[in-house]
């Protein structure tokens, strides 16, 4: 199987040596996105709800550049630096998806790049 990377001019620049997303057959694996403003390259200074929306905005830009939408997402992994933030993240998350919801895992981590409170990665499938 051949991997093909996705470049996303609308999303933030990568913080390291990785692709914004990679196709593997009909599956698109999106790298984790933090709440970085693509225009400035800086983390947005806000609460976890706003940071969750920014991370999803970044992911949605990558999806759109790959010809997909949030409706193509089948799996979501969420990383939080504080599980007390789960309700706020979950509220923002609920506004981004419709039933049937993608599968999801949410875990607490010690720290994230640029001191973000949340990072989200997705797997999507083209129809």
C-alpha atoms as a PDB file:
ATOM      1  CA  UNK A   1       0.000   0.000   0.000  1.00  0.00           C
ATOM      2  CA  UNK A   2       1.306   3.427  -0.936  1.00  0.00           C
ATOM      3  CA  UNK A   3       1.137   6.321   1.499  1.00  0.00           C
ATOM      4  CA  UNK A   4       0.321   9.741   0.128  1.00  0.00           C
ATOM      5  CA  UNK A   5       0.665  12.824   2.296  1.00  0.00           C
ATOM      6  CA  UNK A   6      -1.753  15.728   2.383  1.00  0.00           C
ATOM      7  CA  UNK A   7      -0.475  19.272   2.366  1.00  0.00           C
ATOM      8  CA  UNK A   8      -2.757  21.774   4.014  1.00  0.00           C
ATOM      9  CA  UNK A   9      -2.151  25.421   3.134  1.00  0.00           C
ATOM     10  CA  UNK A  10      -5.145  26.366   5.324  1.00  0.00           C
ATOM     11  CA  UNK A  11      -3.909  24.530   8.420  1.00  0.00           C
ATOM     12  CA  UNK A  12      -1.059  25.501  10.737  1.00  0.00           C
ATOM     13  CA  UNK A  13       2.496  24.638   9.789  1.00  0.00           C
ATOM     14  CA  UNK A  14       3.824  21.398  11.261  1.00  0.00           C
ATOM     15  CA  UNK A  15       5.811  21.752  14.480  1.00  0.00           C
ATOM     16  CA  UNK A  16       8.141  18.941  13.424  1.00  0.00           C
ATOM     17  CA  UNK A  17       8.971  16.376  10.733  1.00  0.00           C
ATOM     18  CA  UNK A  18       5.494  15.010  10.044  1.00  0.00           C
ATOM     19  CA  UNK A  19       2.656  15.321   7.533  1.00  0.00           C
ATOM     20  CA  UNK A  20      -0.631  17.022   8.345  1.00  0.00           C
ATOM     21  CA  UNK A  21      -2.300  13.839   7.120  1.00  0.00           C
ATOM     22  CA  UNK A  22      -1.468  10.650   5.255  1.00  0.00           C
ATOM     23  CA  UNK A  23      -3.686   8.537   3.031  1.00  0.00           C
ATOM     24  CA  UNK A  24      -3.430   4.764   3.473  1.00  0.00           C
ATOM     25  CA  UNK A  25      -5.898   3.331   0.983  1.00  0.00           C
ATOM     26  CA  UNK A  26      -9.287   4.912   1.719  1.00  0.00           C
ATOM     27  CA  UNK A  27      -8.280   5.906   5.252  1.00  0.00           C
ATOM     28  CA  UNK A  28      -6.919   9.345   6.047  1.00  0.00           C
ATOM     29  CA  UNK A  29      -4.853   9.593   9.230  1.00  0.00           C
ATOM     30  CA  UNK A  30      -4.675  13.174  10.493  1.00  0.00           C
ATOM     31  CA  UNK A  31      -1.840  14.184  12.783  1.00  0.00           C
ATOM     32  CA  UNK A  32      -2.783  15.666  16.124  1.00  0.00           C
ATOM     33  CA  UNK A  33      -3.640  19.335  16.052  1.00  0.00           C
ATOM     34  CA  UNK A  34      -3.281  21.750  18.923  1.00  0.00           C
ATOM     35  CA  UNK A  35      -5.113  25.093  19.122  1.00  0.00           C
ATOM     36  CA  UNK A  36      -2.525  26.993  17.101  1.00  0.00           C
ATOM     37  CA  UNK A  37      -3.755  29.922  15.022  1.00  0.00           C
ATOM     38  CA  UNK A  38      -2.591  29.124  11.460  1.00  0.00           C
ATOM     39  CA  UNK A  39      -2.159  32.829  10.685  1.00  0.00           C
ATOM     40  CA  UNK A  40       0.194  33.596  13.573  1.00  0.00           C
ATOM     41  CA  UNK A  41       1.622  30.177  14.429  1.00  0.00           C
ATOM     42  CA  UNK A  42       0.894  30.910  18.091  1.00  0.00           C
ATOM     43  CA  UNK A  43      -1.296  29.019  20.516  1.00  0.00           C
ATOM     44  CA  UNK A  44      -4.600  30.776  21.161  1.00  0.00           C
ATOM     45  CA  UNK A  45      -4.759  31.992  24.744  1.00  0.00           C
ATOM     46  CA  UNK A  46      -8.160  30.827  25.886  1.00  0.00           C
ATOM     47  CA  UNK A  47     -10.113  28.221  27.821  1.00  0.00           C
ATOM     48  CA  UNK A  48     -10.271  24.549  26.844  1.00  0.00           C
ATOM     49  CA  UNK A  49     -13.612  24.958  25.039  1.00  0.00           C
ATOM     50  CA  UNK A  50     -12.197  27.605  22.691  1.00  0.00           C
ATOM     51  CA  UNK A  51      -8.972  25.609  22.329  1.00  0.00           C
ATOM     52  CA  UNK A  52     -11.007  22.526  21.370  1.00  0.00           C
ATOM     53  CA  UNK A  53     -12.849  24.490  18.681  1.00  0.00           C
ATOM     54  CA  UNK A  54      -9.538  25.857  17.325  1.00  0.00           C
ATOM     55  CA  UNK A  55      -8.037  22.361  17.190  1.00  0.00           C
ATOM     56  CA  UNK A  56     -11.116  21.158  15.291  1.00  0.00           C
ATOM     57  CA  UNK A  57     -10.905  24.169  12.943  1.00  0.00           C
ATOM     58  CA  UNK A  58      -7.321  23.143  12.156  1.00  0.00           C
ATOM     59  CA  UNK A  59      -8.340  19.523  11.581  1.00  0.00           C
ATOM     60  CA  UNK A  60     -11.278  20.539   9.420  1.00  0.00           C
ATOM     61  CA  UNK A  61      -8.931  22.604   7.218  1.00  0.00           C
ATOM     62  CA  UNK A  62      -6.802  19.498   6.631  1.00  0.00           C
ATOM     63  CA  UNK A  63      -9.907  17.405   5.907  1.00  0.00           C
ATOM     64  CA  UNK A  64     -11.169  19.978   3.388  1.00  0.00           C
ATOM     65  CA  UNK A  65      -7.758  20.115   1.691  1.00  0.00           C
ATOM     66  CA  UNK A  66      -8.011  16.311   1.345  1.00  0.00           C
ATOM     67  CA  UNK A  67     -11.524  16.556  -0.133  1.00  0.00           C
ATOM     68  CA  UNK A  68     -13.332  15.314   3.001  1.00  0.00           C
ATOM     69  CA  UNK A  69     -15.548  16.740   5.734  1.00  0.00           C
ATOM     70  CA  UNK A  70     -16.118  16.093   9.434  1.00  0.00           C
ATOM     71  CA  UNK A  71     -18.826  13.661   8.301  1.00  0.00           C
ATOM     72  CA  UNK A  72     -16.076  11.323   7.053  1.00  0.00           C
ATOM     73  CA  UNK A  73     -14.439  11.016  10.500  1.00  0.00           C
ATOM     74  CA  UNK A  74     -14.611   7.506  11.972  1.00  0.00           C
ATOM     75  CA  UNK A  75     -12.220   7.805  14.950  1.00  0.00           C
ATOM     76  CA  UNK A  76     -11.120  10.628  17.202  1.00  0.00           C
ATOM     77  CA  UNK A  77      -8.408  10.671  19.863  1.00  0.00           C
ATOM     78  CA  UNK A  78      -8.449  13.554  22.347  1.00  0.00           C
ATOM     79  CA  UNK A  79      -5.573  14.393  24.676  1.00  0.00           C
ATOM     80  CA  UNK A  80      -6.223  16.673  27.657  1.00  0.00           C
ATOM     81  CA  UNK A  81      -3.738  18.016  30.168  1.00  0.00           C
ATOM     82  CA  UNK A  82      -6.469  18.027  32.841  1.00  0.00           C
ATOM     83  CA  UNK A  83      -9.430  15.627  32.960  1.00  0.00           C
ATOM     84  CA  UNK A  84     -11.352  18.305  34.862  1.00  0.00           C
ATOM     85  CA  UNK A  85     -11.578  19.964  31.407  1.00  0.00           C
ATOM     86  CA  UNK A  86     -13.514  16.992  30.002  1.00  0.00           C
ATOM     87  CA  UNK A  87     -17.010  18.587  30.256  1.00  0.00           C
ATOM     88  CA  UNK A  88     -15.907  21.753  28.423  1.00  0.00           C
ATOM     89  CA  UNK A  89     -14.091  19.744  25.739  1.00  0.00           C
ATOM     90  CA  UNK A  90     -17.060  17.390  25.424  1.00  0.00           C
ATOM     91  CA  UNK A  91     -19.456  20.319  24.920  1.00  0.00           C
ATOM     92  CA  UNK A  92     -17.325  21.704  22.101  1.00  0.00           C
ATOM     93  CA  UNK A  93     -16.872  18.204  20.660  1.00  0.00           C
ATOM     94  CA  UNK A  94     -20.652  17.646  20.544  1.00  0.00           C
ATOM     95  CA  UNK A  95     -21.044  20.720  18.322  1.00  0.00           C
ATOM     96  CA  UNK A  96     -18.634  19.310  15.710  1.00  0.00           C
ATOM     97  CA  UNK A  97     -20.253  15.943  14.995  1.00  0.00           C
ATOM     98  CA  UNK A  98     -23.696  14.507  14.280  1.00  0.00           C
ATOM     99  CA  UNK A  99     -25.005  10.995  14.882  1.00  0.00           C
ATOM    100  CA  UNK A 100     -23.699   8.445  14.288  1.00  0.00           C
ATOM    101  CA  UNK A 101     -20.730   9.830  16.221  1.00  0.00           C
ATOM    102  CA  UNK A 102     -17.203   8.669  15.483  1.00  0.00           C
ATOM    103  CA  UNK A 103     -15.522   6.310  17.918  1.00  0.00           C
ATOM    104  CA  UNK A 104     -13.503   8.285  20.474  1.00  0.00           C
ATOM    105  CA  UNK A 105     -10.796   7.913  23.074  1.00  0.00           C
ATOM    106  CA  UNK A 106      -9.972  10.666  25.563  1.00  0.00           C
ATOM    107  CA  UNK A 107      -6.880  10.452  27.735  1.00  0.00           C
ATOM    108  CA  UNK A 108      -5.043  12.725  30.147  1.00  0.00           C
ATOM    109  CA  UNK A 109      -1.437  13.568  29.371  1.00  0.00           C
ATOM    110  CA  UNK A 110       1.186  15.386  31.386  1.00  0.00           C
ATOM    111  CA  UNK A 111       1.870  18.128  28.817  1.00  0.00           C
ATOM    112  CA  UNK A 112       1.295  19.093  25.182  1.00  0.00           C
ATOM    113  CA  UNK A 113       3.298  21.178  22.681  1.00  0.00           C
ATOM    114  CA  UNK A 114       3.283  24.924  23.348  1.00  0.00           C
ATOM    115  CA  UNK A 115       1.466  24.263  26.663  1.00  0.00           C
ATOM    116  CA  UNK A 116      -1.815  23.556  24.879  1.00  0.00           C
ATOM    117  CA  UNK A 117      -4.648  22.191  27.018  1.00  0.00           C
ATOM    118  CA  UNK A 118      -5.933  19.903  24.253  1.00  0.00           C
ATOM    119  CA  UNK A 119      -4.691  18.051  21.176  1.00  0.00           C
ATOM    120  CA  UNK A 120      -6.934  16.082  18.814  1.00  0.00           C
ATOM    121  CA  UNK A 121      -6.172  13.571  16.080  1.00  0.00           C
ATOM    122  CA  UNK A 122      -8.595  11.995  13.617  1.00  0.00           C
ATOM    123  CA  UNK A 123      -9.014   9.085  11.252  1.00  0.00           C
ATOM    124  CA  UNK A 124     -11.399   9.613   8.330  1.00  0.00           C
ATOM    125  CA  UNK A 125     -12.581   7.338   5.544  1.00  0.00           C
ATOM    126  CA  UNK A 126     -13.425   8.396   2.034  1.00  0.00           C
ATOM    127  CA  UNK A 127     -16.705   7.041   0.738  1.00  0.00           C
END
